[in-house]
Amino acid sequence: MAKYDVYGIGNALVDMEYEVELADLEALGIDKGVMTLVGEEQQLRMMAHLAAHPHQRSSGGSAANSMIAVSQFGGSSFYSCKVAGDDLGHFYMKDLLEGGVDTNHHTEKETGHTGRCVVLVTPDSDRTLCTFLGISGGLSRKELVENALRDSTYFYMEGYLVTSDTARQACIEAKSIAEASGVKTALSLSDPNMVRFFKTGLLEMIGSGVDLLFANEDEARGMAGAADLNGTVDYLKSVSREFVMTRGSQGALVWDGQTLIAIDPVKVQAVDTVGAGDMFAGAFLYGRGQGWEHRRAGDLASSASAKLVTSLGPRISAAETQTILRNFL
């Protein structure tokens, strides 16, 4: 039996989440509803503009949120990332380890700036991300821990890593190690802008195909270049042996390799959709890692992500996660 249910790799970012109005996005010149990479000076100007807005801080990054979810459900996870030896780096590692996630960062950290993500939540519960990668932009194969990777059930990559040449190559190399070791491979497309501007790189990460692909409907349609849902589904089948396509208030579609399964949505009043896809992926990976069939894992993921969007922030507490899990045991 594998030591880890999931070995993830992603950008280590300290999330700083603000509730804003559409006028704030216009004043800042930021595209709504997507992730945009920004320089440190631009991000600091944004934070100065938002100085009067209260905000909350947490360790984030898409794959990190998913790995913490796996751990909170009772699974085991490992996360390869890159942080600096600054205050935010120490905060990040403390938060990650308290979340029950093992990591490559047990040694002295490099000098530099830990990555930050300014998360702007508008009244319609949509999230807009402005990311300064900092030292995470140098994530490379040096951050891989091969023994942990080989001793995992799944290897999970976040699509955001496609923007860095060294990180993308680390994913490709780690995927090769995983495949040679019988570890299942999984990828999240992460964001419509990753598909729009980095599709070629994502295809390099996918290679000959992944065992499991995660995407929301916008990302999936952009990747497929398809005009309708059927064309999108057909494309996803060509690059992944199984896939999960989330559809917001319409639930999700899961392809188990033979059957397309409709996962019902859980009706809630959404406050903040930050991390909803990350929670869905983490919960689904936990279920599959426990040997659950696809519908049961999908229903758990739907319930967990629905709970997540009813409050601010990319995560819920371990106690809330366990309450959700009990309904499926």
C-alpha atoms as a PDB file:
ATOM      1  CA  MET A   1       0.000   0.000   0.000  1.00  0.00           C
ATOM      2  CA  ALA A   2       1.313   3.450  -0.959  1.00  0.00           C
ATOM      3  CA  LYS A   3       2.470   5.808   1.782  1.00  0.00           C
ATOM      4  CA  TYR A   4       0.717   8.798   0.185  1.00  0.00           C
ATOM      5  CA  ASP A   5      -2.689   8.925  -1.459  1.00  0.00           C
ATOM      6  CA  VAL A   6      -1.593  11.923  -3.524  1.00  0.00           C
ATOM      7  CA  TYR A   7       1.736  13.581  -4.324  1.00  0.00           C
ATOM      8  CA  GLY A   8       1.078  17.100  -5.566  1.00  0.00           C
ATOM      9  CA  ILE A   9       3.248  19.782  -7.115  1.00  0.00           C
ATOM     10  CA  GLY A  10       2.342  23.444  -7.458  1.00  0.00           C
ATOM     11  CA  ASN A  11       3.056  27.082  -6.765  1.00  0.00           C
ATOM     12  CA  ALA A  12       3.378  27.975  -3.096  1.00  0.00           C
ATOM     13  CA  LEU A  13       1.443  31.228  -2.713  1.00  0.00           C
ATOM     14  CA  VAL A  14       0.250  33.096   0.335  1.00  0.00           C
ATOM     15  CA  ASP A  15      -3.328  34.079  -0.507  1.00  0.00           C
ATOM     16  CA  MET A  16      -4.469  37.562   0.505  1.00  0.00           C
ATOM     17  CA  GLU A  17      -8.210  37.733  -0.028  1.00  0.00           C
ATOM     18  CA  TYR A  18     -10.201  40.959  -0.348  1.00  0.00           C
ATOM     19  CA  GLU A  19     -13.905  41.627  -0.901  1.00  0.00           C
ATOM     20  CA  VAL A  20     -14.151  44.303  -3.594  1.00  0.00           C
ATOM     21  CA  GLU A  21     -16.575  46.003  -5.953  1.00  0.00           C
ATOM     22  CA  LEU A  22     -16.466  45.856  -9.749  1.00  0.00           C
ATOM     23  CA  ALA A  23     -15.281  49.466  -9.657  1.00  0.00           C
ATOM     24  CA  ASP A  24     -12.125  48.304  -7.883  1.00  0.00           C
ATOM     25  CA  LEU A  25     -11.299  45.906 -10.720  1.00  0.00           C
ATOM     26  CA  GLU A  26     -11.881  48.702 -13.233  1.00  0.00           C
ATOM     27  CA  ALA A  27      -9.673  51.089 -11.281  1.00  0.00           C
ATOM     28  CA  LEU A  28      -6.921  48.479 -11.123  1.00  0.00           C
ATOM     29  CA  GLY A  29      -7.275  47.521 -14.795  1.00  0.00           C
ATOM     30  CA  ILE A  30      -7.654  43.834 -13.946  1.00  0.00           C
ATOM     31  CA  ASP A  31      -9.525  41.261 -16.064  1.00  0.00           C
ATOM     32  CA  LYS A  32     -12.384  39.766 -14.033  1.00  0.00           C
ATOM     33  CA  GLY A  33     -12.687  36.070 -13.207  1.00  0.00           C
ATOM     34  CA  VAL A  34      -9.248  34.828 -14.276  1.00  0.00           C
ATOM     35  CA  MET A  35      -5.693  34.558 -12.970  1.00  0.00           C
ATOM     36  CA  THR A  36      -3.235  37.190 -14.149  1.00  0.00           C
ATOM     37  CA  LEU A  37       0.514  37.087 -13.459  1.00  0.00           C
ATOM     38  CA  VAL A  38       1.786  40.447 -12.196  1.00  0.00           C
ATOM     39  CA  GLY A  39       5.115  41.871 -11.094  1.00  0.00           C
ATOM     40  CA  GLU A  40       5.849  42.616  -7.464  1.00  0.00           C
ATOM     41  CA  GLU A  41       5.589  46.388  -7.911  1.00  0.00           C
ATOM     42  CA  GLN A  42       2.189  46.118  -9.611  1.00  0.00           C
ATOM     43  CA  GLN A  43       0.921  43.825  -6.870  1.00  0.00           C
ATOM     44  CA  LEU A  44       2.154  46.184  -4.150  1.00  0.00           C
ATOM     45  CA  ARG A  45       0.329  49.065  -5.869  1.00  0.00           C
ATOM     46  CA  MET A  46      -2.837  46.951  -5.856  1.00  0.00           C
ATOM     47  CA  MET A  47      -2.451  46.203  -2.163  1.00  0.00           C
ATOM     48  CA  ALA A  48      -1.948  49.908  -1.464  1.00  0.00           C
ATOM     49  CA  HIS A  49      -5.177  50.678  -3.368  1.00  0.00           C
ATOM     50  CA  LEU A  50      -6.954  48.069  -1.222  1.00  0.00           C
ATOM     51  CA  ALA A  51      -5.363  49.146   2.066  1.00  0.00           C
ATOM     52  CA  ALA A  52      -8.730  50.180   3.537  1.00  0.00           C
ATOM     53  CA  HIS A  53     -10.265  46.770   2.740  1.00  0.00           C
ATOM     54  CA  PRO A  54      -9.998  44.074   5.434  1.00  0.00           C
ATOM     55  CA  HIS A  55      -8.419  40.860   4.205  1.00  0.00           C
ATOM     56  CA  GLN A  56      -7.497  37.399   5.381  1.00  0.00           C
ATOM     57  CA  ARG A  57      -4.301  35.463   4.756  1.00  0.00           C
ATOM     58  CA  SER A  58      -3.732  31.740   4.241  1.00  0.00           C
ATOM     59  CA  SER A  59      -1.291  29.352   2.592  1.00  0.00           C
ATOM     60  CA  GLY A  60      -2.589  28.737  -0.878  1.00  0.00           C
ATOM     61  CA  GLY A  61      -1.873  27.767  -4.406  1.00  0.00           C
ATOM     62  CA  SER A  62      -4.290  25.490  -6.212  1.00  0.00           C
ATOM     63  CA  ALA A  63      -2.583  22.138  -5.635  1.00  0.00           C
ATOM     64  CA  ALA A  64      -1.771  23.031  -2.012  1.00  0.00           C
ATOM     65  CA  ASN A  65      -5.472  23.586  -1.319  1.00  0.00           C
ATOM     66  CA  SER A  66      -6.233  20.183  -2.831  1.00  0.00           C
ATOM     67  CA  MET A  67      -3.508  18.423  -0.833  1.00  0.00           C
ATOM     68  CA  ILE A  68      -4.800  19.967   2.409  1.00  0.00           C
ATOM     69  CA  ALA A  69      -8.302  18.768   1.506  1.00  0.00           C
ATOM     70  CA  VAL A  70      -7.009  15.222   1.009  1.00  0.00           C
ATOM     71  CA  SER A  71      -5.396  15.390   4.445  1.00  0.00           C
ATOM     72  CA  GLN A  72      -8.465  16.862   6.150  1.00  0.00           C
ATOM     73  CA  PHE A  73     -10.622  14.009   4.866  1.00  0.00           C
ATOM     74  CA  GLY A  74      -8.197  11.568   6.454  1.00  0.00           C
ATOM     75  CA  GLY A  75      -5.953  10.767   3.512  1.00  0.00           C
ATOM     76  CA  SER A  76      -2.205  11.281   3.213  1.00  0.00           C
ATOM     77  CA  SER A  77      -0.604  13.826   0.902  1.00  0.00           C
ATOM     78  CA  PHE A  78       2.784  15.241  -0.049  1.00  0.00           C
ATOM     79  CA  TYR A  79       3.381  18.640  -1.638  1.00  0.00           C
ATOM     80  CA  SER A  80       6.456  19.751  -3.580  1.00  0.00           C
ATOM     81  CA  CYS A  81       6.813  23.516  -3.787  1.00  0.00           C
ATOM     82  CA  LYS A  82       9.306  26.366  -3.374  1.00  0.00           C
ATOM     83  CA  VAL A  83       9.201  29.084  -0.714  1.00  0.00           C
ATOM     84  CA  ALA A  84      11.792  31.591   0.459  1.00  0.00           C
ATOM     85  CA  GLY A  85      13.263  31.993   3.922  1.00  0.00           C
ATOM     86  CA  ASP A  86      11.205  35.157   4.548  1.00  0.00           C
ATOM     87  CA  ASP A  87       8.338  35.675   6.984  1.00  0.00           C
ATOM     88  CA  LEU A  88       5.726  34.611   4.425  1.00  0.00           C
ATOM     89  CA  GLY A  89       7.723  31.459   3.653  1.00  0.00           C
ATOM     90  CA  HIS A  90       7.790  30.452   7.322  1.00  0.00           C
ATOM     91  CA  PHE A  91       4.085  31.269   7.625  1.00  0.00           C
ATOM     92  CA  TYR A  92       3.348  29.141   4.564  1.00  0.00           C
ATOM     93  CA  MET A  93       5.243  26.085   5.781  1.00  0.00           C
ATOM     94  CA  LYS A  94       3.707  26.289   9.256  1.00  0.00           C
ATOM     95  CA  ASP A  95       0.204  26.489   7.764  1.00  0.00           C
ATOM     96  CA  LEU A  96       0.897  23.615   5.344  1.00  0.00           C
ATOM     97  CA  LEU A  97       2.317  21.295   8.009  1.00  0.00           C
ATOM     98  CA  GLU A  98      -0.527  22.131  10.398  1.00  0.00           C
ATOM     99  CA  GLY A  99      -2.828  21.083   7.559  1.00  0.00           C
ATOM    100  CA  GLY A 100      -1.298  17.605   7.752  1.00  0.00           C
ATOM    101  CA  VAL A 101       0.615  17.772   4.467  1.00  0.00           C
ATOM    102  CA  ASP A 102       4.169  16.440   4.160  1.00  0.00           C
ATOM    103  CA  THR A 103       6.550  18.506   2.031  1.00  0.00           C
ATOM    104  CA  ASN A 104      10.029  18.835   0.568  1.00  0.00           C
ATOM    105  CA  HIS A 105      10.781  21.878   2.754  1.00  0.00           C
ATOM    106  CA  HIS A 106      12.577  20.404   5.750  1.00  0.00           C
ATOM    107  CA  THR A 107      15.879  22.120   5.010  1.00  0.00           C
ATOM    108  CA  GLU A 108      17.196  25.697   4.933  1.00  0.00           C
ATOM    109  CA  LYS A 109      15.282  27.873   2.487  1.00  0.00           C
ATOM    110  CA  GLU A 110      16.740  30.172  -0.159  1.00  0.00           C
ATOM    111  CA  THR A 111      16.708  33.940   0.120  1.00  0.00           C
ATOM    112  CA  GLY A 112      14.075  35.769  -1.893  1.00  0.00           C
ATOM    113  CA  HIS A 113      10.380  36.509  -1.783  1.00  0.00           C
ATOM    114  CA  THR A 114       7.694  33.882  -1.239  1.00  0.00           C
ATOM    115  CA  GLY A 115       4.934  34.074  -3.839  1.00  0.00           C
ATOM    116  CA  ARG A 116       1.726  35.977  -3.121  1.00  0.00           C
ATOM    117  CA  CYS A 117      -1.721  35.907  -4.679  1.00  0.00           C
ATOM    118  CA  VAL A 118      -4.116  38.820  -4.252  1.00  0.00           C
ATOM    119  CA  VAL A 119      -7.603  37.320  -4.457  1.00  0.00           C
ATOM    120  CA  LEU A 120     -10.376  39.778  -5.331  1.00  0.00           C
ATOM    121  CA  VAL A 121     -13.903  38.579  -4.586  1.00  0.00           C
ATOM    122  CA  THR A 122     -16.728  40.549  -6.217  1.00  0.00           C
ATOM    123  CA  PRO A 123     -20.369  40.674  -5.032  1.00  0.00           C
ATOM    124  CA  ASP A 124     -21.337  37.943  -7.542  1.00  0.00           C
ATOM    125  CA  SER A 125     -19.003  35.537  -5.647  1.00  0.00           C
ATOM    126  CA  ASP A 126     -16.580  35.420  -8.578  1.00  0.00           C
ATOM    127  CA  ARG A 127     -12.861  35.435  -7.893  1.00  0.00           C
ATOM    128  CA  THR A 128     -10.117  37.301  -9.710  1.00  0.00           C
ATOM    129  CA  LEU A 129      -6.504  36.333  -8.990  1.00  0.00           C
ATOM    130  CA  CYS A 130      -3.433  38.523  -9.331  1.00  0.00           C
ATOM    131  CA  THR A 131      -0.321  36.447  -8.728  1.00  0.00           C
ATOM    132  CA  PHE A 132       3.273  37.417  -8.049  1.00  0.00           C
ATOM    133  CA  LEU A 133       5.134  34.115  -8.209  1.00  0.00           C
ATOM    134  CA  GLY A 134       8.268  35.283  -6.407  1.00  0.00           C
ATOM    135  CA  ILE A 135      10.659  32.426  -5.737  1.00  0.00           C
ATOM    136  CA  SER A 136       8.008  29.911  -6.829  1.00  0.00           C
ATOM    137  CA  GLY A 137       8.736  30.969 -10.411  1.00  0.00           C
ATOM    138  CA  GLY A 138      12.002  29.029 -10.034  1.00  0.00           C
ATOM    139  CA  LEU A 139      10.324  25.753  -9.045  1.00  0.00           C
ATOM    140  CA  SER A 140      12.265  22.957 -10.737  1.00  0.00           C
ATOM    141  CA  ARG A 141      13.128  19.278 -10.557  1.00  0.00           C
ATOM    142  CA  LYS A 142      15.247  20.097  -7.468  1.00  0.00           C
ATOM    143  CA  GLU A 143      12.002  20.292  -5.491  1.00  0.00           C
ATOM    144  CA  LEU A 144      10.998  16.729  -6.445  1.00  0.00           C
ATOM    145  CA  VAL A 145      11.268  14.027  -3.787  1.00  0.00           C
ATOM    146  CA  GLU A 146      11.377  10.896  -5.922  1.00  0.00           C
ATOM    147  CA  ASN A 147      10.971   8.339  -3.132  1.00  0.00           C
ATOM    148  CA  ALA A 148       7.754  10.039  -1.978  1.00  0.00           C
ATOM    149  CA  LEU A 149       6.513  10.311  -5.557  1.00  0.00           C
ATOM    150  CA  ARG A 150       7.078   6.613  -6.231  1.00  0.00           C
ATOM    151  CA  ASP A 151       5.300   5.736  -2.974  1.00  0.00           C
ATOM    152  CA  SER A 152       2.030   7.465  -3.933  1.00  0.00           C
ATOM    153  CA  THR A 153      -1.247   6.369  -5.478  1.00  0.00           C
ATOM    154  CA  TYR A 154      -1.687   9.553  -7.555  1.00  0.00           C
ATOM    155  CA  PHE A 155       0.660  12.243  -8.880  1.00  0.00           C
ATOM    156  CA  TYR A 156      -1.205  15.556  -9.243  1.00  0.00           C
ATOM    157  CA  MET A 157      -0.040  18.607 -11.224  1.00  0.00           C
ATOM    158  CA  GLU A 158      -1.619  22.051 -11.241  1.00  0.00           C
ATOM    159  CA  GLY A 159      -1.884  23.672 -14.643  1.00  0.00           C
ATOM    160  CA  TYR A 160      -0.596  26.993 -13.318  1.00  0.00           C
ATOM    161  CA  LEU A 161       2.925  25.529 -13.461  1.00  0.00           C
ATOM    162  CA  VAL A 162       2.796  25.713 -17.255  1.00  0.00           C
ATOM    163  CA  THR A 163       3.869  29.380 -17.097  1.00  0.00           C
ATOM    164  CA  SER A 164       7.381  28.486 -15.870  1.00  0.00           C
ATOM    165  CA  ASP A 165       9.778  26.580 -18.122  1.00  0.00           C
ATOM    166  CA  THR A 166      11.552  24.923 -15.177  1.00  0.00           C
ATOM    167  CA  ALA A 167       8.308  24.024 -13.396  1.00  0.00           C
ATOM    168  CA  ARG A 168       6.771  22.622 -16.565  1.00  0.00           C
ATOM    169  CA  GLN A 169       9.837  20.452 -17.135  1.00  0.00           C
ATOM    170  CA  ALA A 170       9.710  19.294 -13.513  1.00  0.00           C
ATOM    171  CA  CYS A 171       6.108  18.187 -14.079  1.00  0.00           C
ATOM    172  CA  ILE A 172       7.042  16.326 -17.250  1.00  0.00           C
ATOM    173  CA  GLU A 173       9.915  14.560 -15.519  1.00  0.00           C
ATOM    174  CA  ALA A 174       7.815  13.735 -12.441  1.00  0.00           C
ATOM    175  CA  LYS A 175       5.058  12.356 -14.671  1.00  0.00           C
ATOM    176  CA  SER A 176       7.586  10.066 -16.346  1.00  0.00           C
ATOM    177  CA  ILE A 177       8.803   8.834 -12.933  1.00  0.00           C
ATOM    178  CA  ALA A 178       5.209   8.272 -11.820  1.00  0.00           C
ATOM    179  CA  GLU A 179       4.304   6.292 -14.932  1.00  0.00           C
ATOM    180  CA  ALA A 180       7.404   4.115 -14.595  1.00  0.00           C
ATOM    181  CA  SER A 181       6.455   3.433 -10.972  1.00  0.00           C
ATOM    182  CA  GLY A 182       2.806   2.570 -11.599  1.00  0.00           C
ATOM    183  CA  VAL A 183       1.579   5.830 -10.016  1.00  0.00           C
ATOM    184  CA  LYS A 184      -1.559   7.276 -11.615  1.00  0.00           C
ATOM    185  CA  THR A 185      -1.172  10.747 -13.120  1.00  0.00           C
ATOM    186  CA  ALA A 186      -3.590  13.653 -12.745  1.00  0.00           C
ATOM    187  CA  LEU A 187      -3.657  17.242 -14.016  1.00  0.00           C
ATOM    188  CA  SER A 188      -5.875  20.240 -13.355  1.00  0.00           C
ATOM    189  CA  LEU A 189      -6.174  22.815 -16.158  1.00  0.00           C
ATOM    190  CA  SER A 190      -6.503  25.412 -13.359  1.00  0.00           C
ATOM    191  CA  ASP A 191      -7.690  28.548 -15.170  1.00  0.00           C
ATOM    192  CA  PRO A 192      -9.108  29.705 -18.542  1.00  0.00           C
ATOM    193  CA  ASN A 193      -6.056  31.920 -19.087  1.00  0.00           C
ATOM    194  CA  MET A 194      -3.743  28.915 -18.786  1.00  0.00           C
ATOM    195  CA  VAL A 195      -5.664  27.275 -21.606  1.00  0.00           C
ATOM    196  CA  ARG A 196      -5.915  30.486 -23.638  1.00  0.00           C
ATOM    197  CA  PHE A 197      -2.233  31.404 -23.545  1.00  0.00           C
ATOM    198  CA  PHE A 198      -0.361  28.196 -22.674  1.00  0.00           C
ATOM    199  CA  LYS A 199      -2.226  25.377 -24.419  1.00  0.00           C
ATOM    200  CA  THR A 200       0.933  24.055 -26.094  1.00  0.00           C
ATOM    201  CA  GLY A 201       2.662  23.784 -22.724  1.00  0.00           C
ATOM    202  CA  LEU A 202      -0.320  22.045 -21.162  1.00  0.00           C
ATOM    203  CA  LEU A 203      -0.246  19.504 -23.975  1.00  0.00           C
ATOM    204  CA  GLU A 204       3.440  18.910 -23.194  1.00  0.00           C
ATOM    205  CA  MET A 205       2.477  18.201 -19.576  1.00  0.00           C
ATOM    206  CA  ILE A 206      -0.301  15.858 -20.709  1.00  0.00           C
ATOM    207  CA  GLY A 207       2.065  14.044 -23.072  1.00  0.00           C
ATOM    208  CA  SER A 208       0.605  10.741 -24.208  1.00  0.00           C
ATOM    209  CA  GLY A 209      -2.307  11.243 -21.823  1.00  0.00           C
ATOM    210  CA  VAL A 210      -3.077  11.408 -18.103  1.00  0.00           C
ATOM    211  CA  ASP A 211      -5.112   9.015 -15.997  1.00  0.00           C
ATOM    212  CA  LEU A 212      -7.314  11.785 -14.620  1.00  0.00           C
ATOM    213  CA  LEU A 213      -7.979  15.335 -15.809  1.00  0.00           C
ATOM    214  CA  PHE A 214      -9.769  18.067 -13.849  1.00  0.00           C
ATOM    215  CA  ALA A 215     -11.271  21.131 -15.543  1.00  0.00           C
ATOM    216  CA  ASN A 216     -14.204  23.454 -15.277  1.00  0.00           C
ATOM    217  CA  GLU A 217     -16.418  23.782 -18.330  1.00  0.00           C
ATOM    218  CA  ASP A 218     -14.807  27.007 -19.596  1.00  0.00           C
ATOM    219  CA  GLU A 219     -11.314  25.514 -19.360  1.00  0.00           C
ATOM    220  CA  ALA A 220     -12.411  22.267 -20.987  1.00  0.00           C
ATOM    221  CA  ARG A 221     -14.136  23.996 -23.905  1.00  0.00           C
ATOM    222  CA  GLY A 222     -11.146  26.244 -24.439  1.00  0.00           C
ATOM    223  CA  MET A 223      -8.800  23.270 -24.467  1.00  0.00           C
ATOM    224  CA  ALA A 224     -11.030  21.327 -26.832  1.00  0.00           C
ATOM    225  CA  GLY A 225     -11.792  24.252 -29.126  1.00  0.00           C
ATOM    226  CA  ALA A 226     -15.243  22.704 -29.357  1.00  0.00           C
ATOM    227  CA  ALA A 227     -18.548  24.438 -30.074  1.00  0.00           C
ATOM    228  CA  ASP A 228     -20.645  22.257 -27.793  1.00  0.00           C
ATOM    229  CA  LEU A 229     -20.550  19.985 -24.780  1.00  0.00           C
ATOM    230  CA  ASN A 230     -20.415  16.761 -26.804  1.00  0.00           C
ATOM    231  CA  GLY A 231     -17.351  17.919 -28.694  1.00  0.00           C
ATOM    232  CA  THR A 232     -15.696  18.931 -25.445  1.00  0.00           C
ATOM    233  CA  VAL A 233     -16.376  15.536 -23.868  1.00  0.00           C
ATOM    234  CA  ASP A 234     -14.990  13.734 -26.914  1.00  0.00           C
ATOM    235  CA  TYR A 235     -11.804  15.794 -26.780  1.00  0.00           C
ATOM    236  CA  LEU A 236     -11.240  15.165 -23.078  1.00  0.00           C
ATOM    237  CA  LYS A 237     -11.581  11.432 -23.695  1.00  0.00           C
ATOM    238  CA  SER A 238      -8.723  11.692 -26.199  1.00  0.00           C
ATOM    239  CA  VAL A 239      -6.242  13.134 -23.676  1.00  0.00           C
ATOM    240  CA  SER A 240      -7.314  11.488 -20.411  1.00  0.00           C
ATOM    241  CA  ARG A 241      -8.421   8.023 -19.438  1.00  0.00           C
ATOM    242  CA  GLU A 242     -10.818   9.541 -16.889  1.00  0.00           C
ATOM    243  CA  PHE A 243     -11.894  13.124 -16.305  1.00  0.00           C
ATOM    244  CA  VAL A 244     -13.915  15.432 -14.089  1.00  0.00           C
ATOM    245  CA  MET A 245     -15.555  18.514 -15.614  1.00  0.00           C
ATOM    246  CA  THR A 246     -17.152  20.829 -13.060  1.00  0.00           C
ATOM    247  CA  ARG A 247     -20.092  22.951 -14.221  1.00  0.00           C
ATOM    248  CA  GLY A 248     -20.804  25.306 -11.342  1.00  0.00           C
ATOM    249  CA  SER A 249     -24.473  25.306 -10.358  1.00  0.00           C
ATOM    250  CA  GLN A 250     -25.093  22.455 -12.836  1.00  0.00           C
ATOM    251  CA  GLY A 251     -22.911  20.026 -10.903  1.00  0.00           C
ATOM    252  CA  ALA A 252     -20.241  18.034 -12.697  1.00  0.00           C
ATOM    253  CA  LEU A 253     -19.624  15.354 -15.296  1.00  0.00           C
ATOM    254  CA  VAL A 254     -17.326  12.417 -14.530  1.00  0.00           C
ATOM    255  CA  TRP A 255     -15.988  10.037 -17.176  1.00  0.00           C
ATOM    256  CA  ASP A 256     -14.911   6.773 -15.543  1.00  0.00           C
ATOM    257  CA  GLY A 257     -13.412   5.340 -18.720  1.00  0.00           C
ATOM    258  CA  GLN A 258     -16.666   3.727 -19.834  1.00  0.00           C
ATOM    259  CA  THR A 259     -19.610   5.802 -18.637  1.00  0.00           C
ATOM    260  CA  LEU A 260     -20.342   9.527 -18.397  1.00  0.00           C
ATOM    261  CA  ILE A 261     -21.752  10.155 -14.922  1.00  0.00           C
ATOM    262  CA  ALA A 262     -23.742  13.275 -14.016  1.00  0.00           C
ATOM    263  CA  ILE A 263     -22.950  14.505 -10.500  1.00  0.00           C
ATOM    264  CA  ASP A 264     -25.801  16.528  -9.006  1.00  0.00           C
ATOM    265  CA  PRO A 265     -25.080  19.983  -7.601  1.00  0.00           C
ATOM    266  CA  VAL A 266     -25.738  20.814  -3.959  1.00  0.00           C
ATOM    267  CA  LYS A 267     -27.824  23.980  -3.860  1.00  0.00           C
ATOM    268  CA  VAL A 268     -26.305  26.684  -1.642  1.00  0.00           C
ATOM    269  CA  GLN A 269     -25.993  30.459  -1.547  1.00  0.00           C
ATOM    270  CA  ALA A 270     -22.485  31.099  -2.838  1.00  0.00           C
ATOM    271  CA  VAL A 271     -20.425  33.778  -1.113  1.00  0.00           C
ATOM    272  CA  ASP A 272     -16.956  33.097  -2.521  1.00  0.00           C
ATOM    273  CA  THR A 273     -15.950  30.562  -5.175  1.00  0.00           C
ATOM    274  CA  VAL A 274     -12.200  30.758  -4.413  1.00  0.00           C
ATOM    275  CA  GLY A 275     -10.850  27.219  -4.064  1.00  0.00           C
ATOM    276  CA  ALA A 276     -14.046  25.442  -5.119  1.00  0.00           C
ATOM    277  CA  GLY A 277     -12.314  23.541  -7.909  1.00  0.00           C
ATOM    278  CA  ASP A 278      -9.376  22.760  -5.629  1.00  0.00           C
ATOM    279  CA  MET A 279     -11.701  21.311  -3.002  1.00  0.00           C
ATOM    280  CA  PHE A 280     -13.538  19.274  -5.640  1.00  0.00           C
ATOM    281  CA  ALA A 281     -10.254  17.809  -6.872  1.00  0.00           C
ATOM    282  CA  GLY A 282      -8.978  17.085  -3.358  1.00  0.00           C
ATOM    283  CA  ALA A 283     -12.191  15.393  -2.267  1.00  0.00           C
ATOM    284  CA  PHE A 284     -12.431  13.368  -5.477  1.00  0.00           C
ATOM    285  CA  LEU A 285      -8.800  12.249  -5.223  1.00  0.00           C
ATOM    286  CA  TYR A 286      -9.363  11.261  -1.590  1.00  0.00           C
ATOM    287  CA  GLY A 287     -12.372   9.139  -2.540  1.00  0.00           C
ATOM    288  CA  ARG A 288     -10.639   7.449  -5.430  1.00  0.00           C
ATOM    289  CA  GLY A 289      -7.552   6.883  -3.273  1.00  0.00           C
ATOM    290  CA  GLN A 290      -9.776   5.007  -0.832  1.00  0.00           C
ATOM    291  CA  GLY A 291     -11.060   2.813  -3.644  1.00  0.00           C
ATOM    292  CA  TRP A 292     -14.468   4.489  -3.905  1.00  0.00           C
ATOM    293  CA  GLU A 293     -16.351   4.233  -7.170  1.00  0.00           C
ATOM    294  CA  HIS A 294     -16.540   7.408  -9.252  1.00  0.00           C
ATOM    295  CA  ARG A 295     -20.088   8.497  -8.388  1.00  0.00           C
ATOM    296  CA  ARG A 296     -19.491   8.272  -4.654  1.00  0.00           C
ATOM    297  CA  ALA A 297     -16.243  10.247  -4.968  1.00  0.00           C
ATOM    298  CA  GLY A 298     -18.010  12.805  -7.168  1.00  0.00           C
ATOM    299  CA  ASP A 299     -20.899  13.223  -4.737  1.00  0.00           C
ATOM    300  CA  LEU A 300     -18.449  13.778  -1.872  1.00  0.00           C
ATOM    301  CA  ALA A 301     -16.583  16.361  -3.939  1.00  0.00           C
ATOM    302  CA  SER A 302     -19.817  18.130  -4.870  1.00  0.00           C
ATOM    303  CA  SER A 303     -20.908  18.351  -1.223  1.00  0.00           C
ATOM    304  CA  ALA A 304     -17.500  19.574  -0.056  1.00  0.00           C
ATOM    305  CA  SER A 305     -17.129  22.252  -2.724  1.00  0.00           C
ATOM    306  CA  ALA A 306     -20.690  23.444  -2.079  1.00  0.00           C
ATOM    307  CA  LYS A 307     -19.882  23.892   1.597  1.00  0.00           C
ATOM    308  CA  LEU A 308     -16.681  25.733   0.716  1.00  0.00           C
ATOM    309  CA  VAL A 309     -18.370  28.449  -1.346  1.00  0.00           C
ATOM    310  CA  THR A 310     -20.707  29.449   1.508  1.00  0.00           C
ATOM    311  CA  SER A 311     -17.878  31.278   3.307  1.00  0.00           C
ATOM    312  CA  LEU A 312     -14.790  33.312   2.478  1.00  0.00           C
ATOM    313  CA  GLY A 313     -11.496  31.589   1.814  1.00  0.00           C
ATOM    314  CA  PRO A 314     -10.078  28.625  -0.124  1.00  0.00           C
ATOM    315  CA  ARG A 315     -10.607  26.041   2.640  1.00  0.00           C
ATOM    316  CA  ILE A 316     -12.968  24.890   5.359  1.00  0.00           C
ATOM    317  CA  SER A 317     -11.981  23.493   8.735  1.00  0.00           C
ATOM    318  CA  ALA A 318     -10.978  19.874   9.299  1.00  0.00           C
ATOM    319  CA  ALA A 319     -14.016  19.465  11.564  1.00  0.00           C
ATOM    320  CA  GLU A 320     -16.363  20.638   8.786  1.00  0.00           C
ATOM    321  CA  THR A 321     -14.633  18.314   6.329  1.00  0.00           C
ATOM    322  CA  GLN A 322     -15.124  15.350   8.652  1.00  0.00           C
ATOM    323  CA  THR A 323     -18.813  16.227   9.116  1.00  0.00           C
ATOM    324  CA  ILE A 324     -19.285  16.089   5.332  1.00  0.00           C
ATOM    325  CA  LEU A 325     -17.363  12.814   5.106  1.00  0.00           C
ATOM    326  CA  ARG A 326     -19.561  11.094   7.693  1.00  0.00           C
ATOM    327  CA  ASN A 327     -22.524  11.402   5.332  1.00  0.00           C
ATOM    328  CA  PHE A 328     -20.695   9.141   2.860  1.00  0.00           C
ATOM    329  CA  LEU A 329     -19.437   6.419   5.186  1.00  0.00           C
END
